[in-house]
Amino acid sequence: MIVKFNTVKSPATRIGPQFNVTYASLMLDSRPMYQKYVETVKIGLYIGVVVNAAKSFKCSIGHIRIRFYHVFNSLYAKTR
């Protein structure tokens, strides 16, 4: 089984004291990855955890909370 890695669609983020410093590009199989460094990365298609670039590891759950209240308010409106 061969796993293909698409280097064009792969964003990267940094976590640590120097998260906002620009370094050399990442390499994969002796080729540079044409990634872009982003502030947030969504991990998991169904879980929806968002990891933020910061000095320490931080996850954002604000979008999950908004989705929950949207569904809750829709159900509450239908059952009144």
C-alpha atoms as a PDB file:
ATOM      1  CA  MET A   1       0.000   0.000   0.000  1.00  0.00           C
ATOM      2  CA  ILE A   2       1.399   3.367  -1.014  1.00  0.00           C
ATOM      3  CA  VAL A   3       0.332   6.536   0.760  1.00  0.00           C
ATOM      4  CA  LYS A   4       0.482   9.659  -1.378  1.00  0.00           C
ATOM      5  CA  PHE A   5       0.976  12.975   0.355  1.00  0.00           C
ATOM      6  CA  ASN A   6      -0.281  16.073  -1.406  1.00  0.00           C
ATOM      7  CA  THR A   7       2.245  18.791  -0.576  1.00  0.00           C
ATOM      8  CA  VAL A   8       0.282  21.536  -2.332  1.00  0.00           C
ATOM      9  CA  LYS A   9      -2.821  21.221  -0.125  1.00  0.00           C
ATOM     10  CA  SER A  10      -1.025  20.768   3.204  1.00  0.00           C
ATOM     11  CA  PRO A  11      -1.066  23.752   5.560  1.00  0.00           C
ATOM     12  CA  ALA A  12       1.347  24.005   8.472  1.00  0.00           C
ATOM     13  CA  THR A  13       1.223  25.790  11.799  1.00  0.00           C
ATOM     14  CA  ARG A  14       3.735  26.341  14.570  1.00  0.00           C
ATOM     15  CA  ILE A  15       3.376  25.894  18.307  1.00  0.00           C
ATOM     16  CA  GLY A  16       6.077  27.123  20.657  1.00  0.00           C
ATOM     17  CA  PRO A  17       7.892  30.236  21.874  1.00  0.00           C
ATOM     18  CA  GLN A  18       8.910  31.259  18.348  1.00  0.00           C
ATOM     19  CA  PHE A  19       5.647  30.435  16.590  1.00  0.00           C
ATOM     20  CA  ASN A  20       5.663  33.659  14.573  1.00  0.00           C
ATOM     21  CA  VAL A  21       9.259  33.423  13.263  1.00  0.00           C
ATOM     22  CA  THR A  22       9.765  32.436   9.616  1.00  0.00           C
ATOM     23  CA  TYR A  23      12.105  29.504   9.015  1.00  0.00           C
ATOM     24  CA  ALA A  24      13.223  27.533   5.971  1.00  0.00           C
ATOM     25  CA  SER A  25      10.537  25.578   4.159  1.00  0.00           C
ATOM     26  CA  LEU A  26       9.711  22.013   5.148  1.00  0.00           C
ATOM     27  CA  MET A  27      11.084  19.171   3.014  1.00  0.00           C
ATOM     28  CA  LEU A  28       9.476  15.846   2.132  1.00  0.00           C
ATOM     29  CA  ASP A  29      11.416  13.256   0.122  1.00  0.00           C
ATOM     30  CA  SER A  30      14.096  15.853  -0.703  1.00  0.00           C
ATOM     31  CA  ARG A  31      11.494  18.165  -2.221  1.00  0.00           C
ATOM     32  CA  PRO A  32      10.226  21.373  -0.654  1.00  0.00           C
ATOM     33  CA  MET A  33       6.648  21.378   0.516  1.00  0.00           C
ATOM     34  CA  TYR A  34       4.725  24.309  -0.897  1.00  0.00           C
ATOM     35  CA  GLN A  35       2.761  24.830   2.264  1.00  0.00           C
ATOM     36  CA  LYS A  36       1.438  27.986   3.744  1.00  0.00           C
ATOM     37  CA  TYR A  37       1.720  28.713   7.431  1.00  0.00           C
ATOM     38  CA  VAL A  38      -1.713  29.337   8.864  1.00  0.00           C
ATOM     39  CA  GLU A  39      -3.000  30.596  12.209  1.00  0.00           C
ATOM     40  CA  THR A  40      -5.473  27.724  12.690  1.00  0.00           C
ATOM     41  CA  VAL A  41      -5.611  24.117  11.490  1.00  0.00           C
ATOM     42  CA  LYS A  42      -8.763  21.981  11.626  1.00  0.00           C
ATOM     43  CA  ILE A  43      -7.933  18.429  12.679  1.00  0.00           C
ATOM     44  CA  GLY A  44     -10.359  15.628  11.983  1.00  0.00           C
ATOM     45  CA  LEU A  45     -13.176  15.737   9.512  1.00  0.00           C
ATOM     46  CA  TYR A  46     -15.964  14.876  11.966  1.00  0.00           C
ATOM     47  CA  ILE A  47     -14.463  15.912  15.308  1.00  0.00           C
ATOM     48  CA  GLY A  48     -13.666  19.423  14.165  1.00  0.00           C
ATOM     49  CA  VAL A  49     -10.939  20.325  16.651  1.00  0.00           C
ATOM     50  CA  VAL A  50      -9.173  23.539  15.683  1.00  0.00           C
ATOM     51  CA  VAL A  51      -5.538  23.985  16.784  1.00  0.00           C
ATOM     52  CA  ASN A  52      -4.272  27.555  17.058  1.00  0.00           C
ATOM     53  CA  ALA A  53      -0.740  28.806  16.431  1.00  0.00           C
ATOM     54  CA  ALA A  54       0.491  30.146  19.770  1.00  0.00           C
ATOM     55  CA  LYS A  55       3.258  29.973  22.364  1.00  0.00           C
ATOM     56  CA  SER A  56       1.576  26.953  23.963  1.00  0.00           C
ATOM     57  CA  PHE A  57      -0.844  24.299  22.706  1.00  0.00           C
ATOM     58  CA  LYS A  58      -4.345  25.775  22.376  1.00  0.00           C
ATOM     59  CA  CYS A  59      -7.509  24.347  20.887  1.00  0.00           C
ATOM     60  CA  SER A  60     -10.528  26.356  19.838  1.00  0.00           C
ATOM     61  CA  ILE A  61     -14.032  25.019  20.430  1.00  0.00           C
ATOM     62  CA  GLY A  62     -15.990  28.196  19.685  1.00  0.00           C
ATOM     63  CA  HIS A  63     -17.280  26.889  16.356  1.00  0.00           C
ATOM     64  CA  ILE A  64     -18.531  23.699  18.066  1.00  0.00           C
ATOM     65  CA  ARG A  65     -20.383  25.781  20.665  1.00  0.00           C
ATOM     66  CA  ILE A  66     -21.994  27.907  17.947  1.00  0.00           C
ATOM     67  CA  ARG A  67     -23.115  24.788  16.058  1.00  0.00           C
ATOM     68  CA  PHE A  68     -24.566  23.282  19.259  1.00  0.00           C
ATOM     69  CA  TYR A  69     -26.633  26.381  20.048  1.00  0.00           C
ATOM     70  CA  HIS A  70     -27.815  26.602  16.458  1.00  0.00           C
ATOM     71  CA  VAL A  71     -29.163  23.045  16.597  1.00  0.00           C
ATOM     72  CA  PHE A  72     -30.546  23.496  20.110  1.00  0.00           C
ATOM     73  CA  ASN A  73     -32.412  26.681  19.200  1.00  0.00           C
ATOM     74  CA  SER A  74     -33.836  25.042  16.062  1.00  0.00           C
ATOM     75  CA  LEU A  75     -35.150  22.098  18.085  1.00  0.00           C
ATOM     76  CA  TYR A  76     -36.448  24.357  20.853  1.00  0.00           C
ATOM     77  CA  ALA A  77     -38.351  26.510  18.352  1.00  0.00           C
ATOM     78  CA  LYS A  78     -40.036  23.426  16.873  1.00  0.00           C
ATOM     79  CA  THR A  79     -41.103  21.961  20.258  1.00  0.00           C
ATOM     80  CA  ARG A  80     -42.573  25.077  21.907  1.00  0.00           C
END
